[in-house]
Amino acid sequence: MKSTYVVSSVTCSARAARVAHGDHLRSAANRRVGAKTAPQHLERVTTTSRRRPRTIHAHGRPGAAISNAYASPQASNSPASANPGTSYSEHKPKTPPPDLPSLLLDSRIVYIGMPLVPAVTELIVSELLYLQYTDQKKPCYIYINSTGCTRADGEVVGFETEATAIFDTMKYIGNEIYTVGTGVAIGQACMLLSAGDKGKRYMTPHATAMLHQPRVPSTGERQATELNIKWRETLAQKKSLLDILSQTTGHSVAKLDKDMQRPLYMTAKDAIEYGIVDKVIERESNAIADVMSASAWDSAAGLVQKPV
């Protein structure tokens, strides 16, 4: 019996030694892998555990400790989470600065610098109506540098009615209308140049005016009936153009029709003789309204200057 007891004790001691040796090997392996075993350890650590949470170093380097992955997140004190304070752009105005067309409109200047397409007509008509709304007694100044309803190469880009819409608005608003031709005023744009009030139509010394008949865009694959309808519409537009020019220049419709059989180019002096304009603009000519000062514009725009 005694010998059996001794053998059993030796067997139990050997078994315990093997278990302890296995635990030692596992602990050594865990220390070698470092952060790779962190999730397994963290799974056994909870906020309700009575044991002190262990600190695990990421990749075995101090200073990168991870403790209690289930703890509540804390507020960050980094600069990124700070409230924005005074910046370098605080001195800038609160509203965007006005664009150049707005500054011109403030001086009651309407500038036509493109062919007469629907977008241009919409803008010009809107500006004229706005100027009449702001003050019905002050004049409006229309500067014209346009090839009319065609491009410079003669290709049609707009309807003839684009010009008549602007003409009708000029006569509707009731304000005095100054027109100034600069660059070129071709076709329907030349008609608008002549539509200013008598004695208030100008051209710059080297500007050019030109009259021509209404032009028909490419017909494409239209039927004969459609071509006949377009032909009658073009004749009606030509008649309207001749009637307006007869009013503004004083010439008869027959003379205008004869002169416009081919393009009629005119210098500033020729345009005065033909009745398109009245004067060549000079430095002292009253063809622009008074411009607001910088401080007056800022006040009207709601920009308040801070005291220095």
C-alpha atoms as a PDB file:
ATOM      1  CA  MET A   1       0.000   0.000   0.000  1.00  0.00           C
ATOM      2  CA  LYS A   2       2.803   2.367   0.902  1.00  0.00           C
ATOM      3  CA  SER A   3       4.583   1.832  -2.365  1.00  0.00           C
ATOM      4  CA  THR A   4       1.378   2.381  -4.300  1.00  0.00           C
ATOM      5  CA  TYR A   5       0.845   5.679  -2.559  1.00  0.00           C
ATOM      6  CA  VAL A   6       4.334   6.799  -3.435  1.00  0.00           C
ATOM      7  CA  VAL A   7       3.806   5.941  -7.131  1.00  0.00           C
ATOM      8  CA  SER A   8       0.494   7.776  -7.162  1.00  0.00           C
ATOM      9  CA  SER A   9       2.076  10.845  -5.598  1.00  0.00           C
ATOM     10  CA  VAL A  10       4.849  10.813  -8.159  1.00  0.00           C
ATOM     11  CA  THR A  11       2.279  10.463 -10.955  1.00  0.00           C
ATOM     12  CA  CYS A  12       0.223  13.410  -9.663  1.00  0.00           C
ATOM     13  CA  SER A  13       3.352  15.539  -9.285  1.00  0.00           C
ATOM     14  CA  ALA A  14       4.416  14.782 -12.860  1.00  0.00           C
ATOM     15  CA  ARG A  15       0.954  15.602 -14.182  1.00  0.00           C
ATOM     16  CA  ALA A  16       0.922  18.939 -12.312  1.00  0.00           C
ATOM     17  CA  ALA A  17       4.386  19.748 -13.650  1.00  0.00           C
ATOM     18  CA  ARG A  18       3.206  19.144 -17.243  1.00  0.00           C
ATOM     19  CA  VAL A  19       0.176  21.416 -16.739  1.00  0.00           C
ATOM     20  CA  ALA A  20       2.334  24.149 -15.217  1.00  0.00           C
ATOM     21  CA  HIS A  21       4.824  23.824 -18.069  1.00  0.00           C
ATOM     22  CA  GLY A  22       2.009  24.178 -20.629  1.00  0.00           C
ATOM     23  CA  ASP A  23       0.711  27.307 -18.911  1.00  0.00           C
ATOM     24  CA  HIS A  24       4.230  28.739 -18.943  1.00  0.00           C
ATOM     25  CA  LEU A  25       4.566  28.102 -22.685  1.00  0.00           C
ATOM     26  CA  ARG A  26       1.212  29.730 -23.427  1.00  0.00           C
ATOM     27  CA  SER A  27       2.130  32.785 -21.353  1.00  0.00           C
ATOM     28  CA  ALA A  28       5.437  33.106 -23.210  1.00  0.00           C
ATOM     29  CA  ALA A  29       3.640  32.853 -26.575  1.00  0.00           C
ATOM     30  CA  ASN A  30       1.170  35.522 -25.522  1.00  0.00           C
ATOM     31  CA  ARG A  31       3.980  37.877 -24.565  1.00  0.00           C
ATOM     32  CA  ARG A  32       5.646  37.361 -27.943  1.00  0.00           C
ATOM     33  CA  VAL A  33       2.568  38.194 -30.036  1.00  0.00           C
ATOM     34  CA  GLY A  34       1.857  41.301 -27.927  1.00  0.00           C
ATOM     35  CA  ALA A  35      -1.083  43.271 -29.250  1.00  0.00           C
ATOM     36  CA  LYS A  36      -2.389  40.414 -31.380  1.00  0.00           C
ATOM     37  CA  THR A  37      -3.729  38.741 -28.232  1.00  0.00           C
ATOM     38  CA  ALA A  38      -5.181  41.965 -26.814  1.00  0.00           C
ATOM     39  CA  PRO A  39      -8.781  41.312 -27.957  1.00  0.00           C
ATOM     40  CA  GLN A  40      -8.804  37.883 -26.256  1.00  0.00           C
ATOM     41  CA  HIS A  41      -7.708  39.376 -22.951  1.00  0.00           C
ATOM     42  CA  LEU A  42     -10.077  42.326 -23.292  1.00  0.00           C
ATOM     43  CA  GLU A  43     -13.034  39.997 -23.778  1.00  0.00           C
ATOM     44  CA  ARG A  44     -12.567  38.740 -20.215  1.00  0.00           C
ATOM     45  CA  VAL A  45     -12.346  42.242 -18.764  1.00  0.00           C
ATOM     46  CA  THR A  46     -15.723  43.879 -18.127  1.00  0.00           C
ATOM     47  CA  THR A  47     -16.843  47.007 -16.328  1.00  0.00           C
ATOM     48  CA  THR A  48     -18.362  44.848 -13.559  1.00  0.00           C
ATOM     49  CA  SER A  49     -15.208  42.831 -12.953  1.00  0.00           C
ATOM     50  CA  ARG A  50     -13.802  43.070  -9.468  1.00  0.00           C
ATOM     51  CA  ARG A  51     -10.302  42.482 -10.704  1.00  0.00           C
ATOM     52  CA  ARG A  52      -8.096  45.410 -11.548  1.00  0.00           C
ATOM     53  CA  PRO A  53      -8.047  45.789 -15.350  1.00  0.00           C
ATOM     54  CA  ARG A  54      -4.753  44.838 -16.890  1.00  0.00           C
ATOM     55  CA  THR A  55      -2.833  47.223 -19.125  1.00  0.00           C
ATOM     56  CA  ILE A  56      -1.845  45.861 -22.508  1.00  0.00           C
ATOM     57  CA  HIS A  57       0.894  47.548 -24.520  1.00  0.00           C
ATOM     58  CA  ALA A  58       0.261  47.720 -28.242  1.00  0.00           C
ATOM     59  CA  HIS A  59       3.074  46.078 -30.164  1.00  0.00           C
ATOM     60  CA  GLY A  60       5.004  45.756 -26.945  1.00  0.00           C
ATOM     61  CA  ARG A  61       5.911  49.485 -26.813  1.00  0.00           C
ATOM     62  CA  PRO A  62       5.235  51.567 -23.681  1.00  0.00           C
ATOM     63  CA  GLY A  63       3.033  54.628 -24.015  1.00  0.00           C
ATOM     64  CA  ALA A  64       0.474  52.910 -26.234  1.00  0.00           C
ATOM     65  CA  ALA A  65      -1.500  51.296 -23.445  1.00  0.00           C
ATOM     66  CA  ILE A  66      -5.079  50.151 -23.921  1.00  0.00           C
ATOM     67  CA  SER A  67      -7.219  49.743 -20.830  1.00  0.00           C
ATOM     68  CA  ASN A  68     -10.828  48.632 -20.487  1.00  0.00           C
ATOM     69  CA  ALA A  69     -12.161  48.705 -24.046  1.00  0.00           C
ATOM     70  CA  TYR A  70     -15.745  48.987 -22.783  1.00  0.00           C
ATOM     71  CA  ALA A  71     -15.210  52.209 -20.826  1.00  0.00           C
ATOM     72  CA  SER A  72     -17.318  55.249 -21.811  1.00  0.00           C
ATOM     73  CA  PRO A  73     -15.612  57.570 -24.312  1.00  0.00           C
ATOM     74  CA  GLN A  74     -14.282  60.806 -22.887  1.00  0.00           C
ATOM     75  CA  ALA A  75     -14.529  64.249 -24.443  1.00  0.00           C
ATOM     76  CA  SER A  76     -11.553  65.177 -26.564  1.00  0.00           C
ATOM     77  CA  ASN A  77      -9.438  68.164 -25.624  1.00  0.00           C
ATOM     78  CA  SER A  78      -7.740  68.359 -29.008  1.00  0.00           C
ATOM     79  CA  PRO A  79      -7.751  71.645 -30.965  1.00  0.00           C
ATOM     80  CA  ALA A  80     -10.007  70.060 -33.594  1.00  0.00           C
ATOM     81  CA  SER A  81     -12.883  69.909 -31.117  1.00  0.00           C
ATOM     82  CA  ALA A  82     -12.482  73.496 -29.942  1.00  0.00           C
ATOM     83  CA  ASN A  83     -15.118  76.074 -30.874  1.00  0.00           C
ATOM     84  CA  PRO A  84     -14.107  78.295 -33.798  1.00  0.00           C
ATOM     85  CA  GLY A  85     -12.900  81.680 -32.745  1.00  0.00           C
ATOM     86  CA  THR A  86     -11.688  84.786 -34.472  1.00  0.00           C
ATOM     87  CA  SER A  87     -10.306  84.063 -37.938  1.00  0.00           C
ATOM     88  CA  TYR A  88      -8.228  86.057 -40.355  1.00  0.00           C
ATOM     89  CA  SER A  89     -11.271  86.739 -42.593  1.00  0.00           C
ATOM     90  CA  GLU A  90     -13.461  88.349 -39.945  1.00  0.00           C
ATOM     91  CA  HIS A  91     -12.729  91.787 -41.351  1.00  0.00           C
ATOM     92  CA  LYS A  92     -14.289  90.839 -44.691  1.00  0.00           C
ATOM     93  CA  PRO A  93     -17.793  92.160 -45.519  1.00  0.00           C
ATOM     94  CA  LYS A  94     -20.714  89.939 -44.559  1.00  0.00           C
ATOM     95  CA  THR A  95     -22.236  90.169 -48.042  1.00  0.00           C
ATOM     96  CA  PRO A  96     -20.461  89.516 -51.372  1.00  0.00           C
ATOM     97  CA  PRO A  97     -19.170  92.567 -53.240  1.00  0.00           C
ATOM     98  CA  PRO A  98     -21.308  93.838 -56.121  1.00  0.00           C
ATOM     99  CA  ASP A  99     -20.438  92.747 -59.637  1.00  0.00           C
ATOM    100  CA  LEU A 100     -19.663  95.166 -62.457  1.00  0.00           C
ATOM    101  CA  PRO A 101     -23.130  95.069 -64.117  1.00  0.00           C
ATOM    102  CA  SER A 102     -24.653  95.972 -60.739  1.00  0.00           C
ATOM    103  CA  LEU A 103     -22.327  98.951 -60.404  1.00  0.00           C
ATOM    104  CA  LEU A 104     -23.254 100.095 -63.899  1.00  0.00           C
ATOM    105  CA  LEU A 105     -26.940  99.637 -63.140  1.00  0.00           C
ATOM    106  CA  ASP A 106     -26.488 101.761 -60.010  1.00  0.00           C
ATOM    107  CA  SER A 107     -25.406 104.567 -62.364  1.00  0.00           C
ATOM    108  CA  ARG A 108     -28.476 103.802 -64.519  1.00  0.00           C
ATOM    109  CA  ILE A 109     -26.310 102.367 -67.315  1.00  0.00           C
ATOM    110  CA  VAL A 110     -27.533  99.432 -69.406  1.00  0.00           C
ATOM    111  CA  TYR A 111     -24.826  97.834 -71.536  1.00  0.00           C
ATOM    112  CA  ILE A 112     -25.626  95.696 -74.568  1.00  0.00           C
ATOM    113  CA  GLY A 113     -22.366  93.978 -75.486  1.00  0.00           C
ATOM    114  CA  MET A 114     -23.545  90.724 -77.072  1.00  0.00           C
ATOM    115  CA  PRO A 115     -25.760  89.585 -79.946  1.00  0.00           C
ATOM    116  CA  LEU A 116     -29.467  89.874 -79.239  1.00  0.00           C
ATOM    117  CA  VAL A 117     -30.349  86.400 -78.015  1.00  0.00           C
ATOM    118  CA  PRO A 118     -33.211  85.609 -75.591  1.00  0.00           C
ATOM    119  CA  ALA A 119     -30.972  85.693 -72.490  1.00  0.00           C
ATOM    120  CA  VAL A 120     -29.672  89.171 -73.392  1.00  0.00           C
ATOM    121  CA  THR A 121     -33.162  90.458 -74.118  1.00  0.00           C
ATOM    122  CA  GLU A 122     -34.430  89.150 -70.796  1.00  0.00           C
ATOM    123  CA  LEU A 123     -31.656  90.971 -68.923  1.00  0.00           C
ATOM    124  CA  ILE A 124     -32.040  94.276 -70.788  1.00  0.00           C
ATOM    125  CA  VAL A 125     -35.824  94.376 -70.404  1.00  0.00           C
ATOM    126  CA  SER A 126     -35.532  93.545 -66.697  1.00  0.00           C
ATOM    127  CA  GLU A 127     -32.962  96.292 -66.121  1.00  0.00           C
ATOM    128  CA  LEU A 128     -35.071  98.903 -67.902  1.00  0.00           C
ATOM    129  CA  LEU A 129     -38.154  97.967 -65.882  1.00  0.00           C
ATOM    130  CA  TYR A 130     -36.112  98.098 -62.678  1.00  0.00           C
ATOM    131  CA  LEU A 131     -34.735 101.551 -63.504  1.00  0.00           C
ATOM    132  CA  GLN A 132     -38.236 102.824 -64.147  1.00  0.00           C
ATOM    133  CA  TYR A 133     -39.399 101.332 -60.835  1.00  0.00           C
ATOM    134  CA  THR A 134     -36.615 102.980 -58.843  1.00  0.00           C
ATOM    135  CA  ASP A 135     -37.088 106.438 -60.345  1.00  0.00           C
ATOM    136  CA  GLN A 136     -39.391 107.459 -63.186  1.00  0.00           C
ATOM    137  CA  LYS A 137     -37.801 110.901 -63.569  1.00  0.00           C
ATOM    138  CA  LYS A 138     -34.144 110.010 -63.991  1.00  0.00           C
ATOM    139  CA  PRO A 139     -32.855 109.098 -67.463  1.00  0.00           C
ATOM    140  CA  CYS A 140     -31.514 105.714 -68.566  1.00  0.00           C
ATOM    141  CA  TYR A 141     -28.269 105.302 -70.514  1.00  0.00           C
ATOM    142  CA  ILE A 142     -27.960 102.450 -73.003  1.00  0.00           C
ATOM    143  CA  TYR A 143     -24.498 101.646 -74.365  1.00  0.00           C
ATOM    144  CA  ILE A 144     -24.561  99.447 -77.471  1.00  0.00           C
ATOM    145  CA  ASN A 145     -21.781  97.299 -78.928  1.00  0.00           C
ATOM    146  CA  SER A 146     -23.692  94.501 -80.611  1.00  0.00           C
ATOM    147  CA  THR A 147     -23.985  92.696 -83.923  1.00  0.00           C
ATOM    148  CA  GLY A 148     -27.753  92.515 -83.564  1.00  0.00           C
ATOM    149  CA  CYS A 149     -29.499  89.205 -84.135  1.00  0.00           C
ATOM    150  CA  THR A 150     -26.513  87.780 -86.015  1.00  0.00           C
ATOM    151  CA  ARG A 151     -22.921  86.963 -85.236  1.00  0.00           C
ATOM    152  CA  ALA A 152     -20.018  88.879 -86.737  1.00  0.00           C
ATOM    153  CA  ASP A 153     -19.881  86.344 -89.599  1.00  0.00           C
ATOM    154  CA  GLY A 154     -23.561  86.883 -90.418  1.00  0.00           C
ATOM    155  CA  GLU A 155     -24.959  83.660 -88.932  1.00  0.00           C
ATOM    156  CA  VAL A 156     -28.399  84.160 -87.397  1.00  0.00           C
ATOM    157  CA  VAL A 157     -28.430  83.561 -83.636  1.00  0.00           C
ATOM    158  CA  GLY A 158     -31.643  85.278 -82.506  1.00  0.00           C
ATOM    159  CA  PHE A 159     -35.110  86.224 -83.601  1.00  0.00           C
ATOM    160  CA  GLU A 160     -35.808  89.728 -84.904  1.00  0.00           C
ATOM    161  CA  THR A 161     -38.383  90.071 -82.135  1.00  0.00           C
ATOM    162  CA  GLU A 162     -35.587  90.212 -79.552  1.00  0.00           C
ATOM    163  CA  ALA A 163     -34.821  93.776 -80.673  1.00  0.00           C
ATOM    164  CA  THR A 164     -38.447  94.855 -80.919  1.00  0.00           C
ATOM    165  CA  ALA A 165     -39.025  93.628 -77.341  1.00  0.00           C
ATOM    166  CA  ILE A 166     -36.270  95.965 -76.123  1.00  0.00           C
ATOM    167  CA  PHE A 167     -37.581  98.803 -78.310  1.00  0.00           C
ATOM    168  CA  ASP A 168     -41.101  98.461 -76.963  1.00  0.00           C
ATOM    169  CA  THR A 169     -39.788  98.491 -73.383  1.00  0.00           C
ATOM    170  CA  MET A 170     -37.741 101.636 -74.074  1.00  0.00           C
ATOM    171  CA  LYS A 171     -40.878 103.424 -75.225  1.00  0.00           C
ATOM    172  CA  TYR A 172     -43.031 101.960 -72.460  1.00  0.00           C
ATOM    173  CA  ILE A 173     -41.107 103.019 -69.368  1.00  0.00           C
ATOM    174  CA  GLY A 174     -41.376 106.757 -70.053  1.00  0.00           C
ATOM    175  CA  ASN A 175     -37.874 107.667 -68.814  1.00  0.00           C
ATOM    176  CA  GLU A 176     -35.526 109.693 -70.957  1.00  0.00           C
ATOM    177  CA  ILE A 177     -33.360 107.323 -72.991  1.00  0.00           C
ATOM    178  CA  TYR A 178     -29.775 108.132 -73.914  1.00  0.00           C
ATOM    179  CA  THR A 179     -28.163 105.760 -76.446  1.00  0.00           C
ATOM    180  CA  VAL A 180     -24.433 105.551 -77.066  1.00  0.00           C
ATOM    181  CA  GLY A 181     -22.983 103.474 -79.897  1.00  0.00           C
ATOM    182  CA  THR A 182     -19.481 102.171 -79.286  1.00  0.00           C
ATOM    183  CA  GLY A 183     -17.764  99.553 -81.396  1.00  0.00           C
ATOM    184  CA  VAL A 184     -20.439  98.313 -83.792  1.00  0.00           C
ATOM    185  CA  ALA A 185     -24.212  98.541 -84.006  1.00  0.00           C
ATOM    186  CA  ILE A 186     -25.370  96.208 -86.760  1.00  0.00           C
ATOM    187  CA  GLY A 187     -28.874  95.496 -87.999  1.00  0.00           C
ATOM    188  CA  GLN A 188     -31.395  95.485 -85.162  1.00  0.00           C
ATOM    189  CA  ALA A 189     -28.765  96.917 -82.780  1.00  0.00           C
ATOM    190  CA  CYS A 190     -28.498  99.923 -85.107  1.00  0.00           C
ATOM    191  CA  MET A 191     -32.272 100.318 -84.867  1.00  0.00           C
ATOM    192  CA  LEU A 192     -32.008 100.387 -81.054  1.00  0.00           C
ATOM    193  CA  LEU A 193     -29.245 102.990 -81.305  1.00  0.00           C
ATOM    194  CA  SER A 194     -31.572 105.242 -83.289  1.00  0.00           C
ATOM    195  CA  ALA A 195     -34.444 104.673 -80.835  1.00  0.00           C
ATOM    196  CA  GLY A 196     -33.080 106.981 -78.148  1.00  0.00           C
ATOM    197  CA  ASP A 197     -34.691 110.335 -77.499  1.00  0.00           C
ATOM    198  CA  LYS A 198     -33.975 112.958 -80.149  1.00  0.00           C
ATOM    199  CA  GLY A 199     -30.879 114.975 -79.301  1.00  0.00           C
ATOM    200  CA  LYS A 200     -29.640 112.272 -76.907  1.00  0.00           C
ATOM    201  CA  ARG A 201     -28.254 109.720 -79.343  1.00  0.00           C
ATOM    202  CA  TYR A 202     -24.464 109.462 -79.507  1.00  0.00           C
ATOM    203  CA  MET A 203     -21.668 107.505 -81.154  1.00  0.00           C
ATOM    204  CA  THR A 204     -18.025 107.321 -80.230  1.00  0.00           C
ATOM    205  CA  PRO A 205     -15.672 108.763 -82.886  1.00  0.00           C
ATOM    206  CA  HIS A 206     -14.551 105.389 -84.294  1.00  0.00           C
ATOM    207  CA  ALA A 207     -17.768 103.421 -83.906  1.00  0.00           C
ATOM    208  CA  THR A 208     -19.560 101.834 -86.875  1.00  0.00           C
ATOM    209  CA  ALA A 209     -23.260 101.489 -87.647  1.00  0.00           C
ATOM    210  CA  MET A 210     -24.744  99.215 -90.296  1.00  0.00           C
ATOM    211  CA  LEU A 211     -28.256  98.540 -91.554  1.00  0.00           C
ATOM    212  CA  HIS A 212     -29.313  95.366 -93.347  1.00  0.00           C
ATOM    213  CA  GLN A 213     -32.491  93.438 -94.085  1.00  0.00           C
ATOM    214  CA  PRO A 214     -33.735  90.737 -91.724  1.00  0.00           C
ATOM    215  CA  ARG A 215     -32.000  87.450 -92.390  1.00  0.00           C
ATOM    216  CA  VAL A 216     -33.556  84.016 -92.456  1.00  0.00           C
ATOM    217  CA  PRO A 217     -31.830  81.147 -90.624  1.00  0.00           C
ATOM    218  CA  SER A 218     -31.082  77.889 -92.376  1.00  0.00           C
ATOM    219  CA  THR A 219     -34.334  76.305 -93.541  1.00  0.00           C
ATOM    220  CA  GLY A 220     -33.128  72.709 -93.277  1.00  0.00           C
ATOM    221  CA  GLU A 221     -35.593  70.086 -94.537  1.00  0.00           C
ATOM    222  CA  ARG A 222     -38.761  72.158 -94.242  1.00  0.00           C
ATOM    223  CA  GLN A 223     -41.803  71.616 -96.398  1.00  0.00           C
ATOM    224  CA  ALA A 224     -42.793  74.128 -99.062  1.00  0.00           C
ATOM    225  CA  THR A 225     -45.775  75.318 -97.000  1.00  0.00           C
ATOM    226  CA  GLU A 226     -43.528  76.001 -94.010  1.00  0.00           C
ATOM    227  CA  LEU A 227     -41.127  77.975 -96.182  1.00  0.00           C
ATOM    228  CA  ASN A 228     -44.025  80.106 -97.424  1.00  0.00           C
ATOM    229  CA  ILE A 229     -45.119  80.793 -93.825  1.00  0.00           C
ATOM    230  CA  LYS A 230     -41.567  81.751 -92.820  1.00  0.00           C
ATOM    231  CA  TRP A 231     -41.253  84.025 -95.851  1.00  0.00           C
ATOM    232  CA  ARG A 232     -44.416  85.924 -94.857  1.00  0.00           C
ATOM    233  CA  GLU A 233     -43.141  86.232 -91.268  1.00  0.00           C
ATOM    234  CA  THR A 234     -39.810  87.613 -92.478  1.00  0.00           C
ATOM    235  CA  LEU A 235     -41.591  90.221 -94.614  1.00  0.00           C
ATOM    236  CA  ALA A 236     -43.670  91.262 -91.583  1.00  0.00           C
ATOM    237  CA  GLN A 237     -40.522  91.662 -89.496  1.00  0.00           C
ATOM    238  CA  LYS A 238     -38.912  93.699 -92.260  1.00  0.00           C
ATOM    239  CA  LYS A 239     -41.949  95.979 -92.371  1.00  0.00           C
ATOM    240  CA  SER A 240     -41.775  96.508 -88.613  1.00  0.00           C
ATOM    241  CA  LEU A 241     -38.069  97.364 -88.863  1.00  0.00           C
ATOM    242  CA  LEU A 242     -38.690  99.855 -91.667  1.00  0.00           C
ATOM    243  CA  ASP A 243     -41.559 101.501 -89.777  1.00  0.00           C
ATOM    244  CA  ILE A 244     -39.434 101.965 -86.644  1.00  0.00           C
ATOM    245  CA  LEU A 245     -36.476 103.348 -88.616  1.00  0.00           C
ATOM    246  CA  SER A 246     -38.807 105.702 -90.448  1.00  0.00           C
ATOM    247  CA  GLN A 247     -39.916 107.104 -87.073  1.00  0.00           C
ATOM    248  CA  THR A 248     -36.413 107.415 -85.653  1.00  0.00           C
ATOM    249  CA  THR A 249     -34.565 108.707 -88.741  1.00  0.00           C
ATOM    250  CA  GLY A 250     -37.284 110.668 -90.520  1.00  0.00           C
ATOM    251  CA  HIS A 251     -36.731 108.891 -93.838  1.00  0.00           C
ATOM    252  CA  SER A 252     -39.509 107.325 -95.870  1.00  0.00           C
ATOM    253  CA  VAL A 253     -40.052 103.589 -95.866  1.00  0.00           C
ATOM    254  CA  ALA A 254     -39.289 103.456 -99.600  1.00  0.00           C
ATOM    255  CA  LYS A 255     -35.898 105.144 -99.150  1.00  0.00           C
ATOM    256  CA  LEU A 256     -34.977 102.917 -96.241  1.00  0.00           C
ATOM    257  CA  ASP A 257     -36.016  99.822 -98.172  1.00  0.00           C
ATOM    258  CA  LYS A 258     -33.879 100.863-101.135  1.00  0.00           C
ATOM    259  CA  ASP A 259     -30.845 101.697 -98.982  1.00  0.00           C
ATOM    260  CA  MET A 260     -31.060  98.385 -97.131  1.00  0.00           C
ATOM    261  CA  GLN A 261     -31.037  96.220-100.257  1.00  0.00           C
ATOM    262  CA  ARG A 262     -27.348  95.792 -99.481  1.00  0.00           C
ATOM    263  CA  PRO A 263     -25.545  96.335 -96.147  1.00  0.00           C
ATOM    264  CA  LEU A 264     -25.301 100.066 -95.426  1.00  0.00           C
ATOM    265  CA  TYR A 265     -22.182 100.893 -93.379  1.00  0.00           C
ATOM    266  CA  MET A 266     -21.900 104.267 -91.680  1.00  0.00           C
ATOM    267  CA  THR A 267     -19.199 106.027 -89.694  1.00  0.00           C
ATOM    268  CA  ALA A 268     -20.153 108.316 -86.832  1.00  0.00           C
ATOM    269  CA  LYS A 269     -20.443 111.320 -89.168  1.00  0.00           C
ATOM    270  CA  ASP A 270     -22.380 109.315 -91.745  1.00  0.00           C
ATOM    271  CA  ALA A 271     -24.780 108.117 -89.034  1.00  0.00           C
ATOM    272  CA  ILE A 272     -25.396 111.733 -87.991  1.00  0.00           C
ATOM    273  CA  GLU A 273     -26.222 112.708 -91.571  1.00  0.00           C
ATOM    274  CA  TYR A 274     -28.525 109.688 -91.970  1.00  0.00           C
ATOM    275  CA  GLY A 275     -30.384 110.431 -88.747  1.00  0.00           C
ATOM    276  CA  ILE A 276     -29.261 107.382 -86.748  1.00  0.00           C
ATOM    277  CA  VAL A 277     -27.573 109.504 -84.051  1.00  0.00           C
ATOM    278  CA  ASP A 278     -27.332 113.186 -83.210  1.00  0.00           C
ATOM    279  CA  LYS A 279     -23.795 113.769 -81.941  1.00  0.00           C
ATOM    280  CA  VAL A 280     -20.343 112.295 -81.643  1.00  0.00           C
ATOM    281  CA  ILE A 281     -19.765 111.760 -77.957  1.00  0.00           C
ATOM    282  CA  GLU A 282     -17.162 113.983 -76.325  1.00  0.00           C
ATOM    283  CA  ARG A 283     -15.570 114.057 -72.922  1.00  0.00           C
ATOM    284  CA  GLU A 284     -17.961 116.684 -71.593  1.00  0.00           C
ATOM    285  CA  SER A 285     -21.049 115.002 -73.019  1.00  0.00           C
ATOM    286  CA  ASN A 286     -23.698 114.142 -70.438  1.00  0.00           C
ATOM    287  CA  ALA A 287     -23.952 110.438 -71.290  1.00  0.00           C
ATOM    288  CA  ILE A 288     -23.504 109.014 -67.802  1.00  0.00           C
ATOM    289  CA  ALA A 289     -25.172 109.653 -64.469  1.00  0.00           C
ATOM    290  CA  ASP A 290     -23.334 110.486 -61.251  1.00  0.00           C
ATOM    291  CA  VAL A 291     -21.621 107.477 -59.724  1.00  0.00           C
ATOM    292  CA  MET A 292     -22.050 106.802 -56.011  1.00  0.00           C
ATOM    293  CA  SER A 293     -18.966 107.111 -53.828  1.00  0.00           C
ATOM    294  CA  ALA A 294     -17.466 104.057 -52.137  1.00  0.00           C
ATOM    295  CA  SER A 295     -18.897 104.956 -48.738  1.00  0.00           C
ATOM    296  CA  ALA A 296     -22.339 105.660 -50.226  1.00  0.00           C
ATOM    297  CA  TRP A 297     -22.317 102.284 -51.990  1.00  0.00           C
ATOM    298  CA  ASP A 298     -21.310 100.472 -48.784  1.00  0.00           C
ATOM    299  CA  SER A 299     -24.106 102.201 -46.886  1.00  0.00           C
ATOM    300  CA  ALA A 300     -26.683 101.307 -49.547  1.00  0.00           C
ATOM    301  CA  ALA A 301     -25.469  97.690 -49.535  1.00  0.00           C
ATOM    302  CA  GLY A 302     -25.787  97.457 -45.752  1.00  0.00           C
ATOM    303  CA  LEU A 303     -22.039  97.273 -45.067  1.00  0.00           C
ATOM    304  CA  VAL A 304     -21.113  99.112 -41.885  1.00  0.00           C
ATOM    305  CA  GLN A 305     -17.526 100.194 -41.474  1.00  0.00           C
ATOM    306  CA  LYS A 306     -15.971  99.511 -38.105  1.00  0.00           C
ATOM    307  CA  PRO A 307     -14.256 102.430 -36.375  1.00  0.00           C
ATOM    308  CA  VAL A 308     -10.489 102.216 -36.426  1.00  0.00           C
END
